[in-house]
C-alpha cells in the first residue's frame, strides 16, 4: 500500500504541474479583450512557466539545466505552484486557486515525509 500511495503522490505532482500550465494559459486568455494580448499572454504565460521549470525544476531537478536542491528547490516550487494559484485567482477562479494551493501543500508534505524530494 505505501508504494501505491507514493506513486499516487508522484502522479499528483505531475497533475499539479499540468494544472499550473493550464492556470497560466487560462489567466492569459482572460487578461484582455484584445486577441493579440490574449494570444501573447495565453501562450506566453505557460511558455514562461515551462522555461523556468525546464531550467531549474524538471524531474525533481535531475533533468533540469540548473538543478536546485534544498531551500532553493523549495523556493522554486512555492513560487511556481503559487504562481499557478495566483493566476487562477487573478482570473477570478478563487476556489480552484485555493484547491491548487492546498493540493500542492499536501503533496509537498507527503514528498518530504516519504523522501520523494
PDB file of N, CA and C in Angstrom:
ATOM      1  N   UNK A   1       0.811  -1.212   0.000  1.00  0.00           N
ATOM      2  CA  UNK A   1       0.000   0.000   0.000  1.00  0.00           C
ATOM      3  C   UNK A   1       0.850   1.270   0.000  1.00  0.00           C
ATOM      4  N   UNK A   2       1.925   1.343   0.814  1.00  0.00           N
ATOM      5  CA  UNK A   2       2.720   2.572   0.783  1.00  0.00           C
ATOM      6  C   UNK A   2       3.307   2.856  -0.598  1.00  0.00           C
ATOM      7  N   UNK A   3       3.691   1.824  -1.340  1.00  0.00           N
ATOM      8  CA  UNK A   3       4.231   2.037  -2.680  1.00  0.00           C
ATOM      9  C   UNK A   3       3.174   2.643  -3.587  1.00  0.00           C
ATOM     10  N   UNK A   4       1.944   2.158  -3.477  1.00  0.00           N
ATOM     11  CA  UNK A   4       0.841   2.691  -4.275  1.00  0.00           C
ATOM     12  C   UNK A   4       0.580   4.157  -3.919  1.00  0.00           C
ATOM     13  N   UNK A   5       0.593   4.467  -2.633  1.00  0.00           N
ATOM     14  CA  UNK A   5       0.363   5.844  -2.189  1.00  0.00           C
ATOM     15  C   UNK A   5       1.491   6.766  -2.662  1.00  0.00           C
ATOM     16  N   UNK A   6       2.723   6.281  -2.602  1.00  0.00           N
ATOM     17  CA  UNK A   6       3.850   7.095  -3.067  1.00  0.00           C
ATOM     18  C   UNK A   6       3.756   7.351  -4.567  1.00  0.00           C
ATOM     19  N   UNK A   7       3.373   6.336  -5.316  1.00  0.00           N
ATOM     20  CA  UNK A   7       3.185   6.510  -6.752  1.00  0.00           C
ATOM     21  C   UNK A   7       2.065   7.485  -7.056  1.00  0.00           C
ATOM     22  N   UNK A   8       0.980   7.399  -6.281  1.00  0.00           N
ATOM     23  CA  UNK A   8      -0.146   8.324  -6.464  1.00  0.00           C
ATOM     24  C   UNK A   8       0.284   9.753  -6.150  1.00  0.00           C
ATOM     25  N   UNK A   9       1.159   9.915  -5.161  1.00  0.00           N
ATOM     26  CA  UNK A   9       1.635  11.248  -4.811  1.00  0.00           C
ATOM     27  C   UNK A   9       2.499  11.834  -5.931  1.00  0.00           C
ATOM     28  N   UNK A  10       3.317  11.001  -6.550  1.00  0.00           N
ATOM     29  CA  UNK A  10       4.113  11.481  -7.678  1.00  0.00           C
ATOM     30  C   UNK A  10       3.223  11.814  -8.877  1.00  0.00           C
ATOM     31  N   UNK A  11       2.172  11.021  -9.072  1.00  0.00           N
ATOM     32  CA  UNK A  11       1.216  11.320 -10.149  1.00  0.00           C
ATOM     33  C   UNK A  11       0.509  12.644  -9.865  1.00  0.00           C
ATOM     34  N   UNK A  12       0.175  12.877  -8.597  1.00  0.00           N
ATOM     35  CA  UNK A  12      -0.453  14.143  -8.218  1.00  0.00           C
ATOM     36  C   UNK A  12       0.483  15.306  -8.520  1.00  0.00           C
ATOM     37  N   UNK A  13       1.755  15.140  -8.236  1.00  0.00           N
ATOM     38  CA  UNK A  13       2.738  16.199  -8.538  1.00  0.00           C
ATOM     39  C   UNK A  13       2.709  16.535 -10.031  1.00  0.00           C
ATOM     40  N   UNK A  14       2.695  15.509 -10.864  1.00  0.00           N
ATOM     41  CA  UNK A  14       2.654  15.731 -12.310  1.00  0.00           C
ATOM     42  C   UNK A  14       1.366  16.450 -12.715  1.00  0.00           C
ATOM     43  N   UNK A  15       0.242  16.034 -12.161  1.00  0.00           N
ATOM     44  CA  UNK A  15      -1.035  16.681 -12.483  1.00  0.00           C
ATOM     45  C   UNK A  15      -1.053  18.129 -12.000  1.00  0.00           C
ATOM     46  N   UNK A  16      -0.440  18.386 -10.856  1.00  0.00           N
ATOM     47  CA  UNK A  16      -0.343  19.761 -10.375  1.00  0.00           C
ATOM     48  C   UNK A  16       0.518  20.611 -11.309  1.00  0.00           C
ATOM     49  N   UNK A  17       1.600  20.023 -11.829  1.00  0.00           N
ATOM     50  CA  UNK A  17       2.434  20.741 -12.793  1.00  0.00           C
ATOM     51  C   UNK A  17       1.611  21.118 -14.028  1.00  0.00           C
ATOM     52  N   UNK A  18       0.827  20.175 -14.526  1.00  0.00           N
ATOM     53  CA  UNK A  18      -0.042  20.464 -15.674  1.00  0.00           C
ATOM     54  C   UNK A  18      -1.090  21.510 -15.312  1.00  0.00           C
ATOM     55  N   UNK A  19      -1.579  21.447 -14.086  1.00  0.00           N
ATOM     56  CA  UNK A  19      -2.557  22.431 -13.619  1.00  0.00           C
ATOM     57  C   UNK A  19      -1.998  23.842 -13.608  1.00  0.00           C
ATOM     58  N   UNK A  20      -0.741  23.978 -13.233  1.00  0.00           N
ATOM     59  CA  UNK A  20      -0.097  25.299 -13.243  1.00  0.00           C
ATOM     60  C   UNK A  20      -0.042  25.845 -14.669  1.00  0.00           C
ATOM     61  N   UNK A  21       0.318  24.988 -15.603  1.00  0.00           N
ATOM     62  CA  UNK A  21       0.395  25.436 -17.001  1.00  0.00           C
ATOM     63  C   UNK A  21      -0.986  25.827 -17.526  1.00  0.00           C
ATOM     64  N   UNK A  22      -1.996  25.026 -17.196  1.00  0.00           N
ATOM     65  CA  UNK A  22      -3.366  25.350 -17.607  1.00  0.00           C
ATOM     66  C   UNK A  22      -3.827  26.659 -16.963  1.00  0.00           C
ATOM     67  N   UNK A  23      -3.481  26.860 -15.695  1.00  0.00           N
ATOM     68  CA  UNK A  23      -3.861  28.087 -14.987  1.00  0.00           C
ATOM     69  C   UNK A  23      -3.229  29.306 -15.638  1.00  0.00           C
ATOM     70  N   UNK A  24      -1.955  29.202 -15.986  1.00  0.00           N
ATOM     71  CA  UNK A  24      -1.275  30.331 -16.631  1.00  0.00           C
ATOM     72  C   UNK A  24      -1.911  30.648 -17.982  1.00  0.00           C
ATOM     73  N   UNK A  25      -2.242  29.611 -18.729  1.00  0.00           N
ATOM     74  CA  UNK A  25      -2.893  29.821 -20.018  1.00  0.00           C
ATOM     75  C   UNK A  25      -4.278  30.428 -19.866  1.00  0.00           C
ATOM     76  N   UNK A  26      -5.045  29.912 -18.920  1.00  0.00           N
ATOM     77  CA  UNK A  26      -6.395  30.434 -18.692  1.00  0.00           C
ATOM     78  C   UNK A  26      -6.326  31.911 -18.305  1.00  0.00           C
ATOM     79  N   UNK A  27      -5.431  32.230 -17.382  1.00  0.00           N
ATOM     80  CA  UNK A  27      -5.267  33.619 -16.968  1.00  0.00           C
ATOM     81  C   UNK A  27      -4.943  34.501 -18.172  1.00  0.00           C
ATOM     82  N   UNK A  28      -4.019  34.044 -19.005  1.00  0.00           N
ATOM     83  CA  UNK A  28      -3.617  34.841 -20.158  1.00  0.00           C
ATOM     84  C   UNK A  28      -4.766  35.120 -21.115  1.00  0.00           C
ATOM     85  N   UNK A  29      -5.604  34.110 -21.326  1.00  0.00           N
ATOM     86  CA  UNK A  29      -6.714  34.290 -22.260  1.00  0.00           C
ATOM     87  C   UNK A  29      -7.872  35.090 -21.675  1.00  0.00           C
ATOM     88  N   UNK A  30      -7.850  35.338 -20.356  1.00  0.00           N
ATOM     89  CA  UNK A  30      -8.881  36.179 -19.739  1.00  0.00           C
ATOM     90  C   UNK A  30      -8.356  37.569 -19.409  1.00  0.00           C
ATOM     91  N   UNK A  31      -7.120  37.846 -19.781  1.00  0.00           N
ATOM     92  CA  UNK A  31      -6.458  39.083 -19.373  1.00  0.00           C
ATOM     93  C   UNK A  31      -7.019  40.329 -20.047  1.00  0.00           C
ATOM     94  N   UNK A  32      -7.428  40.231 -21.300  1.00  0.00           N
ATOM     95  CA  UNK A  32      -7.789  41.418 -22.063  1.00  0.00           C
ATOM     96  C   UNK A  32      -8.869  41.091 -23.085  1.00  0.00           C
ATOM     97  N   UNK A  33      -9.473  42.125 -23.615  1.00  0.00           N
ATOM     98  CA  UNK A  33     -10.431  41.966 -24.705  1.00  0.00           C
ATOM     99  C   UNK A  33      -9.720  41.805 -26.041  1.00  0.00           C
ATOM    100  N   UNK A  34      -8.513  42.299 -26.121  1.00  0.00           N
ATOM    101  CA  UNK A  34      -7.741  42.255 -27.357  1.00  0.00           C
ATOM    102  C   UNK A  34      -7.212  40.845 -27.616  1.00  0.00           C
ATOM    103  N   UNK A  35      -7.470  40.341 -28.838  1.00  0.00           N
ATOM    104  CA  UNK A  35      -6.996  38.995 -29.173  1.00  0.00           C
ATOM    105  C   UNK A  35      -5.485  38.912 -29.216  1.00  0.00           C
ATOM    106  N   UNK A  36      -4.830  39.986 -29.571  1.00  0.00           N
ATOM    107  CA  UNK A  36      -3.371  39.994 -29.583  1.00  0.00           C
ATOM    108  C   UNK A  36      -2.799  39.785 -28.190  1.00  0.00           C
ATOM    109  N   UNK A  37      -3.369  40.504 -27.227  1.00  0.00           N
ATOM    110  CA  UNK A  37      -2.924  40.364 -25.836  1.00  0.00           C
ATOM    111  C   UNK A  37      -3.287  38.978 -25.314  1.00  0.00           C
ATOM    112  N   UNK A  38      -4.493  38.504 -25.645  1.00  0.00           N
ATOM    113  CA  UNK A  38      -4.911  37.171 -25.205  1.00  0.00           C
ATOM    114  C   UNK A  38      -3.946  36.101 -25.707  1.00  0.00           C
ATOM    115  N   UNK A  39      -3.592  36.176 -26.988  1.00  0.00           N
ATOM    116  CA  UNK A  39      -2.678  35.182 -27.549  1.00  0.00           C
ATOM    117  C   UNK A  39      -1.290  35.283 -26.928  1.00  0.00           C
ATOM    118  N   UNK A  40      -0.797  36.494 -26.790  1.00  0.00           N
ATOM    119  CA  UNK A  40       0.536  36.676 -26.217  1.00  0.00           C
ATOM    120  C   UNK A  40       0.589  36.162 -24.775  1.00  0.00           C
ATOM    121  N   UNK A  41      -0.373  36.560 -23.964  1.00  0.00           N
ATOM    122  CA  UNK A  41      -0.366  36.146 -22.553  1.00  0.00           C
ATOM    123  C   UNK A  41      -0.813  34.696 -22.391  1.00  0.00           C
ATOM    124  N   UNK A  42      -1.802  34.284 -23.194  1.00  0.00           N
ATOM    125  CA  UNK A  42      -2.324  32.924 -23.066  1.00  0.00           C
ATOM    126  C   UNK A  42      -1.349  31.854 -23.494  1.00  0.00           C
ATOM    127  N   UNK A  43      -0.487  32.176 -24.444  1.00  0.00           N
ATOM    128  CA  UNK A  43       0.550  31.232 -24.872  1.00  0.00           C
ATOM    129  C   UNK A  43       1.895  31.538 -24.217  1.00  0.00           C
ATOM    130  N   UNK A  44       2.162  32.798 -23.985  1.00  0.00           N
ATOM    131  CA  UNK A  44       3.431  33.194 -23.384  1.00  0.00           C
ATOM    132  C   UNK A  44       3.535  32.865 -21.910  1.00  0.00           C
ATOM    133  N   UNK A  45       2.418  32.971 -21.190  1.00  0.00           N
ATOM    134  CA  UNK A  45       2.438  32.645 -19.759  1.00  0.00           C
ATOM    135  C   UNK A  45       2.874  31.211 -19.503  1.00  0.00           C
ATOM    136  N   UNK A  46       2.190  30.235 -20.110  1.00  0.00           N
ATOM    137  CA  UNK A  46       2.627  28.848 -19.929  1.00  0.00           C
ATOM    138  C   UNK A  46       4.038  28.600 -20.453  1.00  0.00           C
ATOM    139  N   UNK A  47       4.409  29.267 -21.550  1.00  0.00           N
ATOM    140  CA  UNK A  47       5.766  29.088 -22.093  1.00  0.00           C
ATOM    141  C   UNK A  47       6.814  29.567 -21.086  1.00  0.00           C
ATOM    142  N   UNK A  48       6.532  30.657 -20.402  1.00  0.00           N
ATOM    143  CA  UNK A  48       7.448  31.153 -19.381  1.00  0.00           C
ATOM    144  C   UNK A  48       7.561  30.165 -18.223  1.00  0.00           C
ATOM    145  N   UNK A  49       6.425  29.636 -17.781  1.00  0.00           N
ATOM    146  CA  UNK A  49       6.433  28.638 -16.709  1.00  0.00           C
ATOM    147  C   UNK A  49       7.223  27.390 -17.126  1.00  0.00           C
ATOM    148  N   UNK A  50       7.021  26.942 -18.368  1.00  0.00           N
ATOM    149  CA  UNK A  50       7.742  25.764 -18.875  1.00  0.00           C
ATOM    150  C   UNK A  50       9.243  26.037 -18.887  1.00  0.00           C
ATOM    151  N   UNK A  51       9.634  27.206 -19.333  1.00  0.00           N
ATOM    152  CA  UNK A  51      11.059  27.537 -19.401  1.00  0.00           C
ATOM    153  C   UNK A  51      11.697  27.533 -18.016  1.00  0.00           C
ATOM    154  N   UNK A  52      11.023  28.126 -17.059  1.00  0.00           N
ATOM    155  CA  UNK A  52      11.556  28.154 -15.686  1.00  0.00           C
ATOM    156  C   UNK A  52      11.662  26.743 -15.129  1.00  0.00           C
ATOM    157  N   UNK A  53      10.611  25.934 -15.338  1.00  0.00           N
ATOM    158  CA  UNK A  53      10.622  24.562 -14.816  1.00  0.00           C
ATOM    159  C   UNK A  53      11.713  23.732 -15.494  1.00  0.00           C
ATOM    160  N   UNK A  54      11.884  23.893 -16.789  1.00  0.00           N
ATOM    161  CA  UNK A  54      12.915  23.136 -17.509  1.00  0.00           C
ATOM    162  C   UNK A  54      14.313  23.541 -17.049  1.00  0.00           C
ATOM    163  N   UNK A  55      14.505  24.812 -16.783  1.00  0.00           N
ATOM    164  CA  UNK A  55      15.820  25.277 -16.361  1.00  0.00           C
ATOM    165  C   UNK A  55      16.178  24.853 -14.947  1.00  0.00           C
ATOM    166  N   UNK A  56      15.188  24.873 -14.040  1.00  0.00           N
ATOM    167  CA  UNK A  56      15.516  24.702 -12.632  1.00  0.00           C
ATOM    168  C   UNK A  56      14.845  23.531 -11.919  1.00  0.00           C
ATOM    169  N   UNK A  57      13.736  23.005 -12.426  1.00  0.00           N
ATOM    170  CA  UNK A  57      12.995  22.045 -11.620  1.00  0.00           C
ATOM    171  C   UNK A  57      12.643  20.724 -12.236  1.00  0.00           C
ATOM    172  N   UNK A  58      12.875  20.529 -13.507  1.00  0.00           N
ATOM    173  CA  UNK A  58      12.397  19.330 -14.208  1.00  0.00           C
ATOM    174  C   UNK A  58      12.937  18.042 -13.588  1.00  0.00           C
ATOM    175  N   UNK A  59      12.067  17.061 -13.483  1.00  0.00           N
ATOM    176  CA  UNK A  59      12.470  15.753 -12.971  1.00  0.00           C
ATOM    177  C   UNK A  59      12.979  15.799 -11.549  1.00  0.00           C
ATOM    178  N   UNK A  60      12.409  16.671 -10.736  1.00  0.00           N
ATOM    179  CA  UNK A  60      12.902  16.812  -9.377  1.00  0.00           C
ATOM    180  C   UNK A  60      14.297  17.411  -9.346  1.00  0.00           C
ATOM    181  N   UNK A  61      14.681  18.056 -10.412  1.00  0.00           N
ATOM    182  CA  UNK A  61      16.000  18.653 -10.528  1.00  0.00           C
ATOM    183  C   UNK A  61      16.953  17.791 -11.340  1.00  0.00           C
ATOM    184  N   UNK A  62      16.649  16.501 -11.481  1.00  0.00           N
ATOM    185  CA  UNK A  62      17.550  15.580 -12.184  1.00  0.00           C
ATOM    186  C   UNK A  62      17.652  15.907 -13.672  1.00  0.00           C
ATOM    187  N   UNK A  63      16.576  16.384 -14.268  1.00  0.00           N
ATOM    188  CA  UNK A  63      16.568  16.698 -15.703  1.00  0.00           C
ATOM    189  C   UNK A  63      16.702  18.190 -15.975  1.00  0.00           C
ATOM    190  N   UNK A  64      16.882  18.987 -14.938  1.00  0.00           N
ATOM    191  CA  UNK A  64      16.968  20.432 -15.096  1.00  0.00           C
ATOM    192  C   UNK A  64      18.339  20.841 -15.610  1.00  0.00           C
ATOM    193  N   UNK A  65      18.383  21.955 -16.309  1.00  0.00           N
ATOM    194  CA  UNK A  65      19.650  22.504 -16.797  1.00  0.00           C
ATOM    195  C   UNK A  65      20.491  22.982 -15.608  1.00  0.00           C
ATOM    196  N   UNK A  66      19.855  23.678 -14.680  1.00  0.00           N
ATOM    197  CA  UNK A  66      20.498  24.161 -13.458  1.00  0.00           C
ATOM    198  C   UNK A  66      19.720  23.617 -12.265  1.00  0.00           C
ATOM    199  N   UNK A  67      19.967  22.379 -11.863  1.00  0.00           N
ATOM    200  CA  UNK A  67      19.168  21.766 -10.806  1.00  0.00           C
ATOM    201  C   UNK A  67      19.308  22.487  -9.467  1.00  0.00           C
ATOM    202  N   UNK A  68      18.180  22.664  -8.815  1.00  0.00           N
ATOM    203  CA  UNK A  68      18.165  23.289  -7.497  1.00  0.00           C
ATOM    204  C   UNK A  68      17.868  22.220  -6.446  1.00  0.00           C
ATOM    205  N   UNK A  69      18.461  22.384  -5.275  1.00  0.00           N
ATOM    206  CA  UNK A  69      18.208  21.466  -4.171  1.00  0.00           C
ATOM    207  C   UNK A  69      17.982  22.265  -2.896  1.00  0.00           C
ATOM    208  N   UNK A  70      17.493  21.591  -1.895  1.00  0.00           N
ATOM    209  CA  UNK A  70      17.314  22.204  -0.580  1.00  0.00           C
ATOM    210  C   UNK A  70      16.372  23.393  -0.598  1.00  0.00           C
ATOM    211  N   UNK A  71      16.733  24.445   0.147  1.00  0.00           N
ATOM    212  CA  UNK A  71      15.861  25.620   0.241  1.00  0.00           C
ATOM    213  C   UNK A  71      15.599  26.298  -1.108  1.00  0.00           C
ATOM    214  N   UNK A  72      16.573  26.258  -2.011  1.00  0.00           N
ATOM    215  CA  UNK A  72      16.363  26.870  -3.330  1.00  0.00           C
ATOM    216  C   UNK A  72      15.282  26.121  -4.094  1.00  0.00           C
ATOM    217  N   UNK A  73      15.286  24.795  -3.997  1.00  0.00           N
ATOM    218  CA  UNK A  73      14.254  23.981  -4.658  1.00  0.00           C
ATOM    219  C   UNK A  73      12.889  24.268  -4.037  1.00  0.00           C
ATOM    220  N   UNK A  74      12.851  24.355  -2.707  1.00  0.00           N
ATOM    221  CA  UNK A  74      11.589  24.652  -2.025  1.00  0.00           C
ATOM    222  C   UNK A  74      11.044  26.010  -2.469  1.00  0.00           C
ATOM    223  N   UNK A  75      11.935  26.998  -2.570  1.00  0.00           N
ATOM    224  CA  UNK A  75      11.508  28.328  -3.016  1.00  0.00           C
ATOM    225  C   UNK A  75      10.977  28.279  -4.442  1.00  0.00           C
ATOM    226  N   UNK A  76      11.663  27.544  -5.316  1.00  0.00           N
ATOM    227  CA  UNK A  76      11.197  27.403  -6.697  1.00  0.00           C
ATOM    228  C   UNK A  76       9.793  26.815  -6.734  1.00  0.00           C
ATOM    229  N   UNK A  77       9.578  25.732  -6.000  1.00  0.00           N
ATOM    230  CA  UNK A  77       8.261  25.095  -6.011  1.00  0.00           C
ATOM    231  C   UNK A  77       7.179  26.014  -5.451  1.00  0.00           C
ATOM    232  N   UNK A  78       7.491  26.716  -4.380  1.00  0.00           N
ATOM    233  CA  UNK A  78       6.498  27.630  -3.788  1.00  0.00           C
ATOM    234  C   UNK A  78       6.153  28.737  -4.779  1.00  0.00           C
ATOM    235  N   UNK A  79       7.158  29.302  -5.425  1.00  0.00           N
ATOM    236  CA  UNK A  79       6.914  30.361  -6.409  1.00  0.00           C
ATOM    237  C   UNK A  79       6.172  29.812  -7.620  1.00  0.00           C
ATOM    238  N   UNK A  80       6.572  28.631  -8.104  1.00  0.00           N
ATOM    239  CA  UNK A  80       5.981  28.059  -9.315  1.00  0.00           C
ATOM    240  C   UNK A  80       4.521  27.670  -9.098  1.00  0.00           C
ATOM    241  N   UNK A  81       4.273  26.868  -8.062  1.00  0.00           N
ATOM    242  CA  UNK A  81       2.900  26.435  -7.811  1.00  0.00           C
ATOM    243  C   UNK A  81       2.056  27.580  -7.259  1.00  0.00           C
ATOM    244  N   UNK A  82       2.670  28.451  -6.474  1.00  0.00           N
ATOM    245  CA  UNK A  82       1.965  29.647  -6.010  1.00  0.00           C
ATOM    246  C   UNK A  82       1.594  30.549  -7.171  1.00  0.00           C
ATOM    247  N   UNK A  83       2.473  30.619  -8.164  1.00  0.00           N
ATOM    248  CA  UNK A  83       2.166  31.403  -9.364  1.00  0.00           C
ATOM    249  C   UNK A  83       0.956  30.864 -10.095  1.00  0.00           C
ATOM    250  N   UNK A  84       0.843  29.543 -10.155  1.00  0.00           N
ATOM    251  CA  UNK A  84      -0.339  28.936 -10.772  1.00  0.00           C
ATOM    252  C   UNK A  84      -1.605  29.278 -10.003  1.00  0.00           C
ATOM    253  N   UNK A  85      -1.525  29.201  -8.678  1.00  0.00           N
ATOM    254  CA  UNK A  85      -2.686  29.543  -7.853  1.00  0.00           C
ATOM    255  C   UNK A  85      -3.028  31.032  -8.002  1.00  0.00           C
ATOM    256  N   UNK A  86      -2.016  31.871  -8.037  1.00  0.00           N
ATOM    257  CA  UNK A  86      -2.268  33.306  -8.221  1.00  0.00           C
ATOM    258  C   UNK A  86      -2.867  33.608  -9.587  1.00  0.00           C
ATOM    259  N   UNK A  87      -2.437  32.876 -10.605  1.00  0.00           N
ATOM    260  CA  UNK A  87      -3.004  33.065 -11.941  1.00  0.00           C
ATOM    261  C   UNK A  87      -4.497  32.737 -11.934  1.00  0.00           C
ATOM    262  N   UNK A  88      -4.862  31.642 -11.288  1.00  0.00           N
ATOM    263  CA  UNK A  88      -6.287  31.294 -11.199  1.00  0.00           C
ATOM    264  C   UNK A  88      -7.057  32.358 -10.426  1.00  0.00           C
ATOM    265  N   UNK A  89      -6.487  32.815  -9.329  1.00  0.00           N
ATOM    266  CA  UNK A  89      -7.147  33.846  -8.527  1.00  0.00           C
ATOM    267  C   UNK A  89      -7.314  35.135  -9.337  1.00  0.00           C
ATOM    268  N   UNK A  90      -6.275  35.519 -10.068  1.00  0.00           N
ATOM    269  CA  UNK A  90      -6.342  36.735 -10.885  1.00  0.00           C
ATOM    270  C   UNK A  90      -7.373  36.607 -12.002  1.00  0.00           C
ATOM    271  N   UNK A  91      -7.629  35.382 -12.447  1.00  0.00           N
ATOM    272  CA  UNK A  91      -8.635  35.147 -13.489  1.00  0.00           C
ATOM    273  C   UNK A  91     -10.037  35.036 -12.901  1.00  0.00           C
ATOM    274  N   UNK A  92     -10.152  35.194 -11.581  1.00  0.00           N
ATOM    275  CA  UNK A  92     -11.458  35.157 -10.939  1.00  0.00           C
ATOM    276  C   UNK A  92     -11.889  33.778 -10.459  1.00  0.00           C
ATOM    277  N   UNK A  93     -10.997  32.823 -10.461  1.00  0.00           N
ATOM    278  CA  UNK A  93     -11.321  31.459 -10.034  1.00  0.00           C
ATOM    279  C   UNK A  93     -10.705  31.201  -8.658  1.00  0.00           C
ATOM    280  N   UNK A  94     -11.312  31.775  -7.641  1.00  0.00           N
ATOM    281  CA  UNK A  94     -10.752  31.717  -6.294  1.00  0.00           C
ATOM    282  C   UNK A  94     -10.770  30.313  -5.713  1.00  0.00           C
ATOM    283  N   UNK A  95     -11.861  29.586  -5.872  1.00  0.00           N
ATOM    284  CA  UNK A  95     -11.937  28.234  -5.311  1.00  0.00           C
ATOM    285  C   UNK A  95     -10.929  27.297  -5.968  1.00  0.00           C
ATOM    286  N   UNK A  96     -10.848  27.241  -7.299  1.00  0.00           N
ATOM    287  CA  UNK A  96      -9.806  26.401  -7.898  1.00  0.00           C
ATOM    288  C   UNK A  96      -8.392  26.824  -7.487  1.00  0.00           C
ATOM    289  N   UNK A  97      -8.182  28.116  -7.279  1.00  0.00           N
ATOM    290  CA  UNK A  97      -6.868  28.589  -6.827  1.00  0.00           C
ATOM    291  C   UNK A  97      -6.547  28.026  -5.446  1.00  0.00           C
ATOM    292  N   UNK A  98      -7.526  28.052  -4.567  1.00  0.00           N
ATOM    293  CA  UNK A  98      -7.326  27.519  -3.215  1.00  0.00           C
ATOM    294  C   UNK A  98      -7.112  26.011  -3.245  1.00  0.00           C
ATOM    295  N   UNK A  99      -7.834  25.315  -4.108  1.00  0.00           N
ATOM    296  CA  UNK A  99      -7.672  23.860  -4.233  1.00  0.00           C
ATOM    297  C   UNK A  99      -6.272  23.530  -4.746  1.00  0.00           C
ATOM    298  N   UNK A 100      -5.811  24.243  -5.761  1.00  0.00           N
ATOM    299  CA  UNK A 100      -4.469  24.012  -6.290  1.00  0.00           C
ATOM    300  C   UNK A 100      -3.421  24.235  -5.201  1.00  0.00           C
ATOM    301  N   UNK A 101      -3.548  25.318  -4.463  1.00  0.00           N
ATOM    302  CA  UNK A 101      -2.578  25.619  -3.405  1.00  0.00           C
ATOM    303  C   UNK A 101      -2.625  24.553  -2.306  1.00  0.00           C
ATOM    304  N   UNK A 102      -3.817  24.143  -1.904  1.00  0.00           N
ATOM    305  CA  UNK A 102      -3.945  23.134  -0.844  1.00  0.00           C
ATOM    306  C   UNK A 102      -3.384  21.788  -1.289  1.00  0.00           C
ATOM    307  N   UNK A 103      -3.675  21.393  -2.522  1.00  0.00           N
ATOM    308  CA  UNK A 103      -3.140  20.125  -3.022  1.00  0.00           C
ATOM    309  C   UNK A 103      -1.623  20.164  -3.114  1.00  0.00           C
ATOM    310  N   UNK A 104      -1.064  21.318  -3.491  1.00  0.00           N
ATOM    311  CA  UNK A 104       0.394  21.436  -3.519  1.00  0.00           C
ATOM    312  C   UNK A 104       0.980  21.251  -2.128  1.00  0.00           C
ATOM    313  N   UNK A 105       0.383  21.872  -1.122  1.00  0.00           N
ATOM    314  CA  UNK A 105       0.902  21.765   0.247  1.00  0.00           C
ATOM    315  C   UNK A 105       0.860  20.315   0.711  1.00  0.00           C
ATOM    316  N   UNK A 106      -0.262  19.636   0.485  1.00  0.00           N
ATOM    317  CA  UNK A 106      -0.377  18.224   0.878  1.00  0.00           C
ATOM    318  C   UNK A 106       0.669  17.391   0.139  1.00  0.00           C
ATOM    319  N   UNK A 107       0.789  17.611  -1.158  1.00  0.00           N
ATOM    320  CA  UNK A 107       1.754  16.873  -1.972  1.00  0.00           C
ATOM    321  C   UNK A 107       3.181  17.114  -1.482  1.00  0.00           C
ATOM    322  N   UNK A 108       3.531  18.355  -1.200  1.00  0.00           N
ATOM    323  CA  UNK A 108       4.887  18.687  -0.758  1.00  0.00           C
ATOM    324  C   UNK A 108       5.199  18.057   0.591  1.00  0.00           C
ATOM    325  N   UNK A 109       4.250  18.103   1.505  1.00  0.00           N
ATOM    326  CA  UNK A 109       4.461  17.492   2.823  1.00  0.00           C
ATOM    327  C   UNK A 109       4.661  15.991   2.684  1.00  0.00           C
ATOM    328  N   UNK A 110       3.824  15.336   1.875  1.00  0.00           N
ATOM    329  CA  UNK A 110       3.978  13.894   1.683  1.00  0.00           C
ATOM    330  C   UNK A 110       5.300  13.554   1.009  1.00  0.00           C
ATOM    331  N   UNK A 111       5.729  14.371   0.043  1.00  0.00           N
ATOM    332  CA  UNK A 111       7.026  14.113  -0.602  1.00  0.00           C
ATOM    333  C   UNK A 111       8.163  14.247   0.397  1.00  0.00           C
ATOM    334  N   UNK A 112       8.056  15.187   1.338  1.00  0.00           N
ATOM    335  CA  UNK A 112       9.088  15.309   2.368  1.00  0.00           C
ATOM    336  C   UNK A 112       9.067  14.121   3.322  1.00  0.00           C
ATOM    337  N   UNK A 113       7.888  13.729   3.782  1.00  0.00           N
ATOM    338  CA  UNK A 113       7.755  12.614   4.707  1.00  0.00           C
ATOM    339  C   UNK A 113       8.241  11.316   4.073  1.00  0.00           C
ATOM    340  N   UNK A 114       7.885  11.108   2.809  1.00  0.00           N
ATOM    341  CA  UNK A 114       8.253   9.866   2.118  1.00  0.00           C
ATOM    342  C   UNK A 114       9.592   9.970   1.396  1.00  0.00           C
ATOM    343  N   UNK A 115      10.309  11.067   1.617  1.00  0.00           N
ATOM    344  CA  UNK A 115      11.630  11.278   0.998  1.00  0.00           C
ATOM    345  C   UNK A 115      11.595  11.122  -0.529  1.00  0.00           C
ATOM    346  N   UNK A 116      10.607  11.766  -1.133  1.00  0.00           N
ATOM    347  CA  UNK A 116      10.454  11.756  -2.582  1.00  0.00           C
ATOM    348  C   UNK A 116      11.015  13.036  -3.193  1.00  0.00           C
ATOM    349  N   UNK A 117      11.733  13.796  -2.421  1.00  0.00           N
ATOM    350  CA  UNK A 117      12.256  15.077  -2.890  1.00  0.00           C
ATOM    351  C   UNK A 117      13.657  14.890  -3.434  1.00  0.00           C
TER     352      UNK A 117
END
